């Protein structure tokens, strides 16, 4: 059985859990990370030298980096679910949005999230906070335009692997306390994702 190392509250672990739900893949999860088993031990560093969760073990394979993990799982076990297309063009469109979330979108919300949700004392510079909120809002407007264009999901009319990291970021957007611009396509998307069991279980921290 697939072994997942990482606490369920981690946004990157939740990518893996949600993917497993979409492709109906059983797993055994162990709590690692802040507040649980430490990732700085020799045992964990032998699995991931970055000391980060998630890590999976699938037979003889050990794998880290959440987006790599979800691509692997969808590619190996999720053909029937159809969330990661085999066609080169369709797959590239999915990968484009996965990579955009990991680089541009993720980077834009990092400071604001640390300041407003984690209450980090190292992230209380007002100018830096306002800049992060502005950049986060700009990237969410890009997402809103894309969702208005497709009328459904981020890479097209059908749910895809790209909606997992993007959907988790949308949850983080709505759950972070600041004045949000009105983004109707994003709001509709949030409601649409919330109809999926995997998202209710893992995308919204277990709250329907």
N, C-alpha and C. Protein backbone atom coordinates (compact mmCIF):
# COMPACT_ATOMS: atom_id res chain seq x y z
N UNK A 1 0.84 -1.20 0.00
CA UNK A 1 0.00 0.00 0.00
C UNK A 1 0.88 1.25 0.00
N UNK A 2 0.42 2.28 -0.68
CA UNK A 2 1.13 3.55 -0.73
C UNK A 2 1.30 4.10 0.68
N UNK A 3 2.51 4.53 1.00
CA UNK A 3 2.81 5.15 2.29
C UNK A 3 3.03 6.64 2.08
N UNK A 4 2.29 7.47 2.82
CA UNK A 4 2.41 8.91 2.72
C UNK A 4 2.93 9.44 4.06
N UNK A 5 4.03 10.16 4.02
CA UNK A 5 4.60 10.76 5.22
C UNK A 5 4.31 12.26 5.20
N UNK A 6 3.53 12.72 6.19
CA UNK A 6 3.22 14.13 6.26
C UNK A 6 1.91 14.37 6.99
N UNK A 7 1.84 15.47 7.73
CA UNK A 7 0.63 15.79 8.49
C UNK A 7 -0.47 16.25 7.54
N UNK A 8 -1.70 15.92 7.88
CA UNK A 8 -2.84 16.17 6.99
C UNK A 8 -3.17 17.65 6.85
N UNK A 9 -2.69 18.48 7.76
CA UNK A 9 -2.97 19.92 7.67
C UNK A 9 -2.08 20.63 6.66
N UNK A 10 -0.99 20.00 6.25
CA UNK A 10 -0.08 20.62 5.28
C UNK A 10 -0.75 20.74 3.91
N UNK A 11 -0.66 21.92 3.30
CA UNK A 11 -1.28 22.12 1.99
C UNK A 11 -0.69 21.19 0.94
N UNK A 12 0.61 20.90 1.05
CA UNK A 12 1.25 20.04 0.07
C UNK A 12 0.91 18.57 0.29
N UNK A 13 0.73 18.18 1.53
CA UNK A 13 0.26 16.82 1.81
C UNK A 13 -1.17 16.66 1.32
N UNK A 14 -1.97 17.69 1.49
CA UNK A 14 -3.37 17.63 1.05
C UNK A 14 -3.48 17.46 -0.47
N UNK A 15 -2.51 17.97 -1.23
CA UNK A 15 -2.51 17.70 -2.67
C UNK A 15 -2.49 16.20 -2.92
N UNK A 16 -1.65 15.50 -2.20
CA UNK A 16 -1.49 14.06 -2.40
C UNK A 16 -2.75 13.32 -1.93
N UNK A 17 -3.28 13.71 -0.79
CA UNK A 17 -4.49 13.06 -0.27
C UNK A 17 -5.67 13.26 -1.21
N UNK A 18 -5.82 14.47 -1.71
CA UNK A 18 -6.92 14.74 -2.64
C UNK A 18 -6.75 13.95 -3.93
N UNK A 19 -5.54 13.89 -4.44
CA UNK A 19 -5.28 13.10 -5.64
C UNK A 19 -5.65 11.65 -5.43
N UNK A 20 -5.27 11.09 -4.28
CA UNK A 20 -5.63 9.70 -3.99
C UNK A 20 -7.14 9.51 -3.97
N UNK A 21 -7.85 10.50 -3.44
CA UNK A 21 -9.31 10.41 -3.41
C UNK A 21 -9.88 10.42 -4.82
N UNK A 22 -9.34 11.25 -5.70
CA UNK A 22 -9.85 11.35 -7.07
C UNK A 22 -9.62 10.07 -7.87
N UNK A 23 -8.50 9.39 -7.60
CA UNK A 23 -8.18 8.20 -8.39
C UNK A 23 -8.48 6.91 -7.62
N UNK A 24 -9.13 7.06 -6.44
CA UNK A 24 -9.56 5.92 -5.64
C UNK A 24 -8.38 5.02 -5.28
N UNK A 25 -7.30 5.65 -4.78
CA UNK A 25 -6.08 4.92 -4.45
C UNK A 25 -5.96 4.81 -2.92
N UNK A 26 -5.93 3.61 -2.38
CA UNK A 26 -5.77 3.47 -0.92
C UNK A 26 -4.36 3.84 -0.49
N UNK A 27 -4.23 4.27 0.75
CA UNK A 27 -2.92 4.69 1.26
C UNK A 27 -2.89 4.55 2.77
N UNK A 28 -1.68 4.58 3.30
CA UNK A 28 -1.46 4.67 4.74
C UNK A 28 -0.66 5.94 4.99
N UNK A 29 -1.22 6.85 5.80
CA UNK A 29 -0.55 8.12 6.07
C UNK A 29 0.00 8.15 7.49
N UNK A 30 1.22 8.72 7.64
CA UNK A 30 1.84 8.88 8.94
C UNK A 30 2.09 10.36 9.20
N UNK A 31 1.88 10.79 10.43
CA UNK A 31 2.07 12.20 10.80
C UNK A 31 3.55 12.53 10.95
N UNK A 32 4.04 13.34 10.04
CA UNK A 32 5.40 13.89 10.11
C UNK A 32 5.29 15.39 9.86
N UNK A 33 6.20 16.14 10.49
CA UNK A 33 6.20 17.59 10.31
C UNK A 33 5.99 18.28 11.64
N UNK A 34 5.89 19.59 11.60
CA UNK A 34 5.76 20.40 12.81
C UNK A 34 4.64 19.92 13.71
N UNK A 35 4.97 19.64 14.97
CA UNK A 35 4.00 19.15 15.92
C UNK A 35 3.89 17.64 15.97
N UNK A 36 4.56 16.96 15.04
CA UNK A 36 4.52 15.50 14.97
C UNK A 36 5.94 14.96 14.90
N UNK A 37 6.15 13.85 14.23
CA UNK A 37 7.49 13.31 14.12
C UNK A 37 8.36 14.30 13.34
N UNK A 38 9.55 14.61 13.86
CA UNK A 38 10.38 15.65 13.23
C UNK A 38 11.01 15.19 11.92
N UNK A 39 11.08 16.12 10.98
CA UNK A 39 11.65 15.80 9.66
C UNK A 39 13.16 16.02 9.60
N UNK A 40 13.76 16.46 10.70
CA UNK A 40 15.20 16.69 10.73
C UNK A 40 15.98 15.47 11.20
N UNK A 41 15.30 14.37 11.44
CA UNK A 41 15.99 13.17 11.89
C UNK A 41 16.74 12.51 10.73
N UNK A 42 17.72 11.72 11.08
CA UNK A 42 18.48 10.99 10.05
C UNK A 42 17.56 10.08 9.25
N UNK A 43 16.57 9.48 9.93
CA UNK A 43 15.63 8.59 9.25
C UNK A 43 14.87 9.32 8.15
N UNK A 44 14.36 10.51 8.45
CA UNK A 44 13.58 11.24 7.45
C UNK A 44 14.48 11.85 6.39
N UNK A 45 15.63 12.39 6.78
CA UNK A 45 16.54 13.02 5.82
C UNK A 45 17.05 12.02 4.79
N UNK A 46 17.09 10.75 5.17
CA UNK A 46 17.48 9.72 4.21
C UNK A 46 16.43 9.56 3.12
N UNK A 47 15.19 9.95 3.43
CA UNK A 47 14.11 9.88 2.45
C UNK A 47 14.00 11.17 1.65
N UNK A 48 14.15 12.31 2.33
CA UNK A 48 14.09 13.61 1.67
C UNK A 48 15.12 14.54 2.32
N UNK A 49 16.22 14.82 1.65
CA UNK A 49 17.27 15.66 2.24
C UNK A 49 16.82 17.09 2.49
N UNK A 50 15.67 17.49 1.93
CA UNK A 50 15.14 18.84 2.16
C UNK A 50 14.36 18.95 3.46
N UNK A 51 14.12 17.82 4.13
CA UNK A 51 13.40 17.79 5.40
C UNK A 51 11.99 18.38 5.28
N UNK A 52 11.34 18.10 4.16
CA UNK A 52 10.01 18.64 3.89
C UNK A 52 9.02 17.50 3.65
N UNK A 53 7.75 17.76 3.98
CA UNK A 53 6.68 16.83 3.64
C UNK A 53 5.91 17.42 2.45
N UNK A 54 5.30 16.52 1.65
CA UNK A 54 5.16 15.08 1.81
C UNK A 54 6.31 14.31 1.18
N UNK A 55 6.39 13.06 1.63
CA UNK A 55 7.21 12.03 0.98
C UNK A 55 6.30 10.84 0.79
N UNK A 56 6.44 10.16 -0.34
CA UNK A 56 5.71 8.90 -0.50
C UNK A 56 6.70 7.77 -0.70
N UNK A 57 6.26 6.58 -0.32
CA UNK A 57 6.97 5.35 -0.64
C UNK A 57 5.97 4.42 -1.31
N UNK A 58 6.29 4.04 -2.53
CA UNK A 58 5.44 3.17 -3.32
C UNK A 58 6.28 2.00 -3.78
N UNK A 59 6.22 0.90 -3.04
CA UNK A 59 7.13 -0.20 -3.32
C UNK A 59 8.56 0.25 -3.04
N UNK A 60 9.42 0.11 -4.03
CA UNK A 60 10.82 0.49 -3.87
C UNK A 60 11.06 1.97 -4.17
N UNK A 61 10.04 2.67 -4.59
CA UNK A 61 10.19 4.08 -4.97
C UNK A 61 9.94 4.99 -3.78
N UNK A 62 10.88 5.90 -3.53
CA UNK A 62 10.68 7.00 -2.58
C UNK A 62 10.68 8.29 -3.39
N UNK A 63 9.69 9.14 -3.13
CA UNK A 63 9.51 10.34 -3.96
C UNK A 63 9.11 11.52 -3.09
N UNK A 64 9.70 12.69 -3.39
CA UNK A 64 9.30 13.92 -2.72
C UNK A 64 9.02 14.98 -3.78
N UNK A 65 8.57 16.15 -3.34
CA UNK A 65 8.04 17.24 -4.16
C UNK A 65 6.59 16.92 -4.54
N UNK A 66 5.68 17.69 -3.95
CA UNK A 66 4.26 17.36 -4.03
C UNK A 66 3.71 17.31 -5.45
N UNK A 67 4.13 18.25 -6.31
CA UNK A 67 3.60 18.24 -7.67
C UNK A 67 4.13 17.07 -8.48
N UNK A 68 5.38 16.68 -8.20
CA UNK A 68 5.92 15.48 -8.83
C UNK A 68 5.16 14.25 -8.37
N UNK A 69 4.85 14.21 -7.09
CA UNK A 69 4.12 13.06 -6.53
C UNK A 69 2.74 12.93 -7.16
N UNK A 70 1.99 14.03 -7.25
CA UNK A 70 0.63 13.90 -7.79
C UNK A 70 0.66 13.55 -9.28
N UNK A 71 1.66 14.04 -10.00
CA UNK A 71 1.79 13.64 -11.42
C UNK A 71 2.08 12.14 -11.51
N UNK A 72 2.97 11.68 -10.68
CA UNK A 72 3.31 10.25 -10.69
C UNK A 72 2.09 9.39 -10.38
N UNK A 73 1.36 9.74 -9.33
CA UNK A 73 0.21 8.94 -8.93
C UNK A 73 -0.87 8.93 -10.01
N UNK A 74 -1.14 10.10 -10.59
CA UNK A 74 -2.15 10.17 -11.64
C UNK A 74 -1.71 9.41 -12.88
N UNK A 75 -0.42 9.47 -13.17
CA UNK A 75 0.12 8.80 -14.35
C UNK A 75 0.10 7.29 -14.18
N UNK A 76 0.44 6.82 -12.98
CA UNK A 76 0.54 5.38 -12.76
C UNK A 76 -0.79 4.73 -12.42
N UNK A 77 -1.60 5.42 -11.61
CA UNK A 77 -2.80 4.78 -11.08
C UNK A 77 -4.11 5.44 -11.51
N UNK A 78 -4.04 6.59 -12.18
CA UNK A 78 -5.25 7.35 -12.40
C UNK A 78 -5.74 7.41 -13.83
N UNK A 79 -5.30 6.46 -14.67
CA UNK A 79 -5.73 6.52 -16.07
C UNK A 79 -7.25 6.50 -16.20
N UNK A 80 -7.90 5.68 -15.40
CA UNK A 80 -9.36 5.56 -15.51
C UNK A 80 -10.06 6.85 -15.10
N UNK A 81 -9.46 7.59 -14.17
CA UNK A 81 -10.07 8.83 -13.71
C UNK A 81 -9.96 9.94 -14.75
N UNK A 82 -8.96 9.84 -15.62
CA UNK A 82 -8.82 10.80 -16.73
C UNK A 82 -8.44 12.20 -16.31
N UNK A 83 -7.80 12.36 -15.16
CA UNK A 83 -7.49 13.73 -14.70
C UNK A 83 -6.14 14.24 -15.18
N UNK A 84 -5.32 13.34 -15.79
CA UNK A 84 -4.01 13.75 -16.30
C UNK A 84 -3.89 13.22 -17.72
N UNK A 85 -4.23 14.03 -18.71
CA UNK A 85 -4.37 13.53 -20.09
C UNK A 85 -3.10 12.91 -20.65
N UNK A 86 -3.27 11.92 -21.49
CA UNK A 86 -2.13 11.32 -22.19
C UNK A 86 -1.73 12.16 -23.39
N UNK A 87 -2.69 12.84 -24.00
CA UNK A 87 -2.40 13.69 -25.16
C UNK A 87 -1.42 14.79 -24.78
N UNK A 88 -0.42 15.01 -25.61
CA UNK A 88 0.66 15.94 -25.28
C UNK A 88 0.17 17.36 -25.10
N UNK A 89 -0.72 17.82 -25.96
CA UNK A 89 -1.22 19.19 -25.86
C UNK A 89 -2.07 19.37 -24.62
N UNK A 90 -2.99 18.45 -24.39
CA UNK A 90 -3.87 18.55 -23.22
C UNK A 90 -3.06 18.46 -21.93
N UNK A 91 -2.05 17.60 -21.91
CA UNK A 91 -1.22 17.48 -20.71
C UNK A 91 -0.40 18.75 -20.47
N UNK A 92 0.10 19.34 -21.53
CA UNK A 92 0.88 20.57 -21.38
C UNK A 92 0.04 21.69 -20.76
N UNK A 93 -1.22 21.78 -21.13
CA UNK A 93 -2.10 22.80 -20.56
C UNK A 93 -2.33 22.56 -19.07
N UNK A 94 -2.45 21.30 -18.68
CA UNK A 94 -2.57 20.96 -17.27
C UNK A 94 -1.28 21.32 -16.53
N UNK A 95 -0.14 20.90 -17.08
CA UNK A 95 1.14 21.17 -16.44
C UNK A 95 1.43 22.66 -16.33
N UNK A 96 1.01 23.41 -17.31
CA UNK A 96 1.21 24.86 -17.30
C UNK A 96 0.63 25.49 -16.04
N UNK A 97 -0.59 25.10 -15.69
CA UNK A 97 -1.25 25.68 -14.52
C UNK A 97 -0.71 25.12 -13.22
N UNK A 98 -0.30 23.86 -13.21
CA UNK A 98 0.36 23.31 -12.02
C UNK A 98 1.64 24.08 -11.73
N UNK A 99 2.43 24.33 -12.77
CA UNK A 99 3.69 25.04 -12.58
C UNK A 99 3.46 26.50 -12.23
N UNK A 100 2.42 27.11 -12.78
CA UNK A 100 2.09 28.50 -12.44
C UNK A 100 1.74 28.62 -10.97
N UNK A 101 0.99 27.65 -10.46
CA UNK A 101 0.65 27.70 -9.04
C UNK A 101 1.90 27.58 -8.18
N UNK A 102 2.81 26.69 -8.55
CA UNK A 102 3.99 26.44 -7.73
C UNK A 102 4.96 27.61 -7.73
N UNK A 103 4.98 28.36 -8.82
CA UNK A 103 5.94 29.47 -8.92
C UNK A 103 5.26 30.80 -8.66
N UNK A 104 4.50 31.30 -9.60
CA UNK A 104 3.94 32.65 -9.51
C UNK A 104 2.90 32.81 -8.41
N UNK A 105 1.87 31.99 -8.41
CA UNK A 105 0.79 32.16 -7.44
C UNK A 105 1.28 31.88 -6.02
N UNK A 106 1.96 30.79 -5.84
CA UNK A 106 2.45 30.40 -4.52
C UNK A 106 3.36 31.48 -3.93
N UNK A 107 4.23 32.01 -4.74
CA UNK A 107 5.17 33.03 -4.26
C UNK A 107 4.43 34.31 -3.87
N UNK A 108 3.35 34.63 -4.57
CA UNK A 108 2.65 35.89 -4.31
C UNK A 108 1.94 35.87 -2.95
N UNK A 109 1.39 34.73 -2.53
CA UNK A 109 0.63 34.72 -1.28
C UNK A 109 1.44 34.36 -0.06
N UNK A 110 2.68 34.00 -0.23
CA UNK A 110 3.48 33.48 0.88
C UNK A 110 3.57 34.46 2.05
N UNK A 111 3.94 35.72 1.79
CA UNK A 111 4.15 36.67 2.88
C UNK A 111 2.82 36.99 3.57
N UNK A 112 1.78 37.23 2.79
CA UNK A 112 0.48 37.57 3.38
C UNK A 112 -0.04 36.43 4.25
N UNK A 113 0.11 35.21 3.79
CA UNK A 113 -0.36 34.07 4.57
C UNK A 113 0.41 33.96 5.88
N UNK A 114 1.72 34.10 5.82
CA UNK A 114 2.53 34.02 7.04
C UNK A 114 2.17 35.12 8.02
N UNK A 115 1.88 36.31 7.49
CA UNK A 115 1.56 37.44 8.36
C UNK A 115 0.16 37.34 8.96
N UNK A 116 -0.82 37.00 8.14
CA UNK A 116 -2.22 37.11 8.55
C UNK A 116 -2.79 35.83 9.16
N UNK A 117 -2.29 34.69 8.73
CA UNK A 117 -2.80 33.42 9.25
C UNK A 117 -1.85 32.83 10.29
N UNK A 118 -0.59 32.74 9.95
CA UNK A 118 0.38 32.18 10.89
C UNK A 118 0.79 33.17 11.97
N UNK A 119 0.51 34.46 11.75
CA UNK A 119 0.88 35.50 12.71
C UNK A 119 2.38 35.48 13.00
N UNK A 120 3.17 35.26 11.96
CA UNK A 120 4.62 35.19 12.11
C UNK A 120 5.19 36.56 12.46
N UNK A 121 6.01 36.62 13.51
CA UNK A 121 6.62 37.90 13.91
C UNK A 121 7.62 38.38 12.88
N UNK A 122 8.12 37.48 12.06
CA UNK A 122 9.08 37.84 11.02
C UNK A 122 8.40 38.37 9.76
N UNK A 123 7.06 38.40 9.75
CA UNK A 123 6.31 38.81 8.56
C UNK A 123 5.28 39.88 8.91
N UNK A 124 5.73 40.92 9.61
CA UNK A 124 4.80 41.96 10.04
C UNK A 124 5.16 43.33 9.48
N UNK A 125 5.94 43.36 8.41
CA UNK A 125 6.24 44.62 7.74
C UNK A 125 5.04 45.02 6.89
N UNK A 126 4.45 46.18 7.19
CA UNK A 126 3.21 46.58 6.53
C UNK A 126 3.38 46.76 5.03
N UNK A 127 4.50 47.33 4.61
CA UNK A 127 4.74 47.54 3.19
C UNK A 127 4.86 46.21 2.44
N UNK A 128 5.59 45.27 3.04
CA UNK A 128 5.74 43.94 2.43
C UNK A 128 4.41 43.20 2.40
N UNK A 129 3.62 43.36 3.46
CA UNK A 129 2.31 42.71 3.51
C UNK A 129 1.40 43.26 2.41
N UNK A 130 1.35 44.58 2.28
CA UNK A 130 0.50 45.18 1.26
C UNK A 130 0.94 44.78 -0.14
N UNK A 131 2.25 44.68 -0.34
CA UNK A 131 2.77 44.26 -1.65
C UNK A 131 2.36 42.82 -1.95
N UNK A 132 2.42 41.96 -0.94
CA UNK A 132 2.03 40.56 -1.13
C UNK A 132 0.54 40.44 -1.45
N UNK A 133 -0.29 41.18 -0.71
CA UNK A 133 -1.73 41.16 -0.98
C UNK A 133 -2.03 41.64 -2.40
N UNK A 134 -1.33 42.69 -2.82
CA UNK A 134 -1.53 43.23 -4.17
C UNK A 134 -1.15 42.21 -5.24
N UNK A 135 0.00 41.56 -5.06
CA UNK A 135 0.44 40.56 -6.03
C UNK A 135 -0.47 39.34 -6.02
N UNK A 136 -0.88 38.94 -4.83
CA UNK A 136 -1.80 37.80 -4.73
C UNK A 136 -3.10 38.11 -5.45
N UNK A 137 -3.64 39.29 -5.24
CA UNK A 137 -4.88 39.69 -5.90
C UNK A 137 -4.71 39.74 -7.42
N UNK A 138 -3.55 40.22 -7.87
CA UNK A 138 -3.29 40.27 -9.31
C UNK A 138 -3.27 38.87 -9.91
N UNK A 139 -2.64 37.94 -9.25
CA UNK A 139 -2.60 36.58 -9.76
C UNK A 139 -3.97 35.91 -9.71
N UNK A 140 -4.74 36.22 -8.69
CA UNK A 140 -6.08 35.66 -8.62
C UNK A 140 -6.98 36.24 -9.70
N UNK A 141 -6.73 37.46 -10.12
CA UNK A 141 -7.46 38.03 -11.25
C UNK A 141 -7.12 37.31 -12.55
N UNK A 142 -5.86 36.90 -12.68
CA UNK A 142 -5.47 36.08 -13.84
C UNK A 142 -6.25 34.77 -13.83
N UNK A 143 -6.33 34.15 -12.66
CA UNK A 143 -7.09 32.90 -12.54
C UNK A 143 -8.56 33.14 -12.84
N UNK A 144 -9.12 34.23 -12.35
CA UNK A 144 -10.53 34.54 -12.60
C UNK A 144 -10.80 34.66 -14.09
N UNK A 145 -9.90 35.32 -14.81
CA UNK A 145 -10.06 35.46 -16.26
C UNK A 145 -10.02 34.10 -16.96
N UNK A 146 -9.12 33.23 -16.52
CA UNK A 146 -9.03 31.90 -17.11
C UNK A 146 -10.29 31.08 -16.85
N UNK A 147 -10.78 31.15 -15.62
CA UNK A 147 -11.99 30.40 -15.28
C UNK A 147 -13.22 30.95 -16.00
N UNK A 148 -13.25 32.26 -16.21
CA UNK A 148 -14.36 32.84 -16.98
C UNK A 148 -14.31 32.35 -18.42
N UNK A 149 -13.11 32.15 -18.91
CA UNK A 149 -12.93 31.68 -20.30
C UNK A 149 -13.37 30.22 -20.45
N UNK A 150 -12.96 29.37 -19.51
CA UNK A 150 -13.31 27.95 -19.62
C UNK A 150 -14.74 27.69 -19.17
N UNK A 151 -15.23 28.50 -18.24
CA UNK A 151 -16.56 28.30 -17.69
C UNK A 151 -16.68 27.12 -16.76
N UNK A 152 -15.54 26.54 -16.37
CA UNK A 152 -15.61 25.33 -15.54
C UNK A 152 -14.36 25.18 -14.67
N UNK A 153 -13.32 24.60 -15.27
CA UNK A 153 -12.11 24.28 -14.51
C UNK A 153 -10.90 24.99 -15.12
N UNK A 154 -9.78 24.90 -14.43
CA UNK A 154 -8.67 25.78 -14.79
C UNK A 154 -8.06 25.45 -16.15
N UNK A 155 -8.01 24.18 -16.53
CA UNK A 155 -7.39 23.81 -17.80
C UNK A 155 -8.40 23.49 -18.89
N UNK A 156 -9.70 23.68 -18.59
CA UNK A 156 -10.70 23.39 -19.60
C UNK A 156 -12.05 23.05 -18.98
N UNK A 157 -12.87 22.36 -19.75
CA UNK A 157 -14.22 22.04 -19.29
C UNK A 157 -14.27 20.93 -18.26
N UNK A 158 -13.23 20.09 -18.22
CA UNK A 158 -13.22 18.95 -17.32
C UNK A 158 -12.25 19.16 -16.16
N UNK A 159 -12.59 18.60 -15.01
CA UNK A 159 -11.68 18.60 -13.87
C UNK A 159 -10.39 17.89 -14.25
N UNK A 160 -9.25 18.46 -13.83
CA UNK A 160 -7.96 17.85 -14.13
C UNK A 160 -7.04 17.94 -12.93
N UNK A 161 -5.88 17.36 -13.05
CA UNK A 161 -4.88 17.39 -11.98
C UNK A 161 -4.51 18.82 -11.60
N UNK A 162 -4.57 19.74 -12.54
CA UNK A 162 -4.24 21.13 -12.25
C UNK A 162 -5.16 21.75 -11.21
N UNK A 163 -6.39 21.25 -11.13
CA UNK A 163 -7.34 21.83 -10.19
C UNK A 163 -7.02 21.48 -8.75
N UNK A 164 -6.15 20.53 -8.52
CA UNK A 164 -5.81 20.16 -7.15
C UNK A 164 -4.92 21.22 -6.51
N UNK A 165 -3.73 21.54 -7.05
CA UNK A 165 -2.97 22.63 -6.43
C UNK A 165 -3.65 23.99 -6.53
N UNK A 166 -4.32 24.25 -7.66
CA UNK A 166 -5.02 25.53 -7.80
C UNK A 166 -6.18 25.61 -6.80
N UNK A 167 -6.93 24.54 -6.66
CA UNK A 167 -8.07 24.53 -5.75
C UNK A 167 -7.66 24.74 -4.30
N UNK A 168 -6.54 24.17 -3.90
CA UNK A 168 -6.04 24.38 -2.55
C UNK A 168 -5.62 25.83 -2.33
N UNK A 169 -5.05 26.44 -3.36
CA UNK A 169 -4.69 27.85 -3.26
C UNK A 169 -5.93 28.74 -3.18
N UNK A 170 -6.99 28.35 -3.87
CA UNK A 170 -8.24 29.11 -3.80
C UNK A 170 -8.82 29.03 -2.39
N UNK A 171 -8.77 27.86 -1.79
CA UNK A 171 -9.19 27.73 -0.40
C UNK A 171 -8.38 28.66 0.51
N UNK A 172 -7.09 28.71 0.30
CA UNK A 172 -6.22 29.58 1.10
C UNK A 172 -6.58 31.05 0.88
N UNK A 173 -6.93 31.40 -0.34
CA UNK A 173 -7.34 32.77 -0.67
C UNK A 173 -8.56 33.18 0.15
N UNK A 174 -9.59 32.34 0.15
CA UNK A 174 -10.81 32.68 0.86
C UNK A 174 -10.66 32.62 2.38
N UNK A 175 -9.74 31.81 2.87
CA UNK A 175 -9.59 31.63 4.30
C UNK A 175 -8.62 32.64 4.93
N UNK A 176 -7.90 33.42 4.12
CA UNK A 176 -6.97 34.41 4.66
C UNK A 176 -7.70 35.73 4.86
N UNK A 177 -7.66 36.29 6.07
CA UNK A 177 -8.51 37.45 6.40
C UNK A 177 -7.96 38.79 5.91
N UNK A 178 -8.44 39.21 4.76
CA UNK A 178 -8.23 40.58 4.27
C UNK A 178 -9.35 40.87 3.28
N UNK A 179 -9.46 42.11 2.84
CA UNK A 179 -10.54 42.48 1.92
C UNK A 179 -10.21 41.99 0.52
N UNK A 180 -11.02 41.07 0.03
CA UNK A 180 -10.76 40.44 -1.26
C UNK A 180 -11.52 41.17 -2.37
N UNK A 181 -10.89 41.36 -3.52
CA UNK A 181 -11.65 41.86 -4.67
C UNK A 181 -12.69 40.83 -5.11
N UNK A 182 -13.76 41.31 -5.73
CA UNK A 182 -14.81 40.39 -6.18
C UNK A 182 -14.35 39.68 -7.44
N UNK A 183 -14.25 38.37 -7.36
CA UNK A 183 -13.82 37.55 -8.48
C UNK A 183 -14.90 36.48 -8.71
N UNK A 184 -15.90 36.78 -9.53
CA UNK A 184 -17.06 35.89 -9.64
C UNK A 184 -16.74 34.51 -10.18
N UNK A 185 -15.82 34.42 -11.13
CA UNK A 185 -15.49 33.10 -11.68
C UNK A 185 -14.76 32.24 -10.65
N UNK A 186 -13.92 32.87 -9.85
CA UNK A 186 -13.23 32.14 -8.78
C UNK A 186 -14.24 31.67 -7.73
N UNK A 187 -15.19 32.51 -7.38
CA UNK A 187 -16.22 32.12 -6.41
C UNK A 187 -17.05 30.94 -6.92
N UNK A 188 -17.41 30.98 -8.20
CA UNK A 188 -18.16 29.87 -8.80
C UNK A 188 -17.32 28.59 -8.81
N UNK A 189 -16.06 28.75 -9.10
CA UNK A 189 -15.12 27.62 -9.13
C UNK A 189 -15.01 26.98 -7.75
N UNK A 190 -14.92 27.81 -6.73
CA UNK A 190 -14.84 27.33 -5.34
C UNK A 190 -16.07 26.50 -5.00
N UNK A 191 -17.23 26.99 -5.40
CA UNK A 191 -18.47 26.25 -5.16
C UNK A 191 -18.48 24.94 -5.95
N UNK A 192 -17.99 24.99 -7.17
CA UNK A 192 -17.96 23.80 -8.02
C UNK A 192 -17.04 22.73 -7.44
N UNK A 193 -15.87 23.15 -6.98
CA UNK A 193 -14.94 22.20 -6.38
C UNK A 193 -15.52 21.59 -5.11
N UNK A 194 -16.28 22.38 -4.39
CA UNK A 194 -16.83 21.93 -3.11
C UNK A 194 -17.88 20.84 -3.26
N UNK A 195 -18.31 20.57 -4.49
CA UNK A 195 -19.22 19.46 -4.75
C UNK A 195 -18.47 18.13 -4.82
N UNK A 196 -17.14 18.18 -4.89
CA UNK A 196 -16.34 16.97 -5.03
C UNK A 196 -15.98 16.44 -3.64
N UNK A 197 -16.15 15.15 -3.45
CA UNK A 197 -15.89 14.55 -2.14
C UNK A 197 -14.43 14.75 -1.74
N UNK A 198 -13.51 14.57 -2.68
CA UNK A 198 -12.09 14.72 -2.36
C UNK A 198 -11.75 16.11 -1.87
N UNK A 199 -12.43 17.12 -2.45
CA UNK A 199 -12.18 18.50 -2.02
C UNK A 199 -12.79 18.76 -0.65
N UNK A 200 -13.97 18.20 -0.41
CA UNK A 200 -14.58 18.39 0.91
C UNK A 200 -13.74 17.74 2.00
N UNK A 201 -13.11 16.62 1.67
CA UNK A 201 -12.29 15.92 2.66
C UNK A 201 -10.94 16.58 2.89
N UNK A 202 -10.32 17.04 1.81
CA UNK A 202 -8.92 17.48 1.90
C UNK A 202 -8.66 18.89 1.42
N UNK A 203 -9.54 19.43 0.57
CA UNK A 203 -9.29 20.75 0.02
C UNK A 203 -9.71 21.87 0.91
N UNK A 204 -10.64 21.61 1.79
CA UNK A 204 -11.15 22.65 2.70
C UNK A 204 -10.93 22.25 4.14
N UNK A 205 -9.83 21.57 4.38
CA UNK A 205 -9.48 21.13 5.74
C UNK A 205 -10.58 20.30 6.40
N UNK A 206 -11.28 19.55 5.57
CA UNK A 206 -12.31 18.68 6.12
C UNK A 206 -13.62 19.37 6.45
N UNK A 207 -13.79 20.65 6.02
CA UNK A 207 -15.03 21.36 6.30
C UNK A 207 -15.82 21.53 5.01
N UNK A 208 -17.03 20.98 4.90
CA UNK A 208 -17.81 21.08 3.66
C UNK A 208 -18.26 22.50 3.38
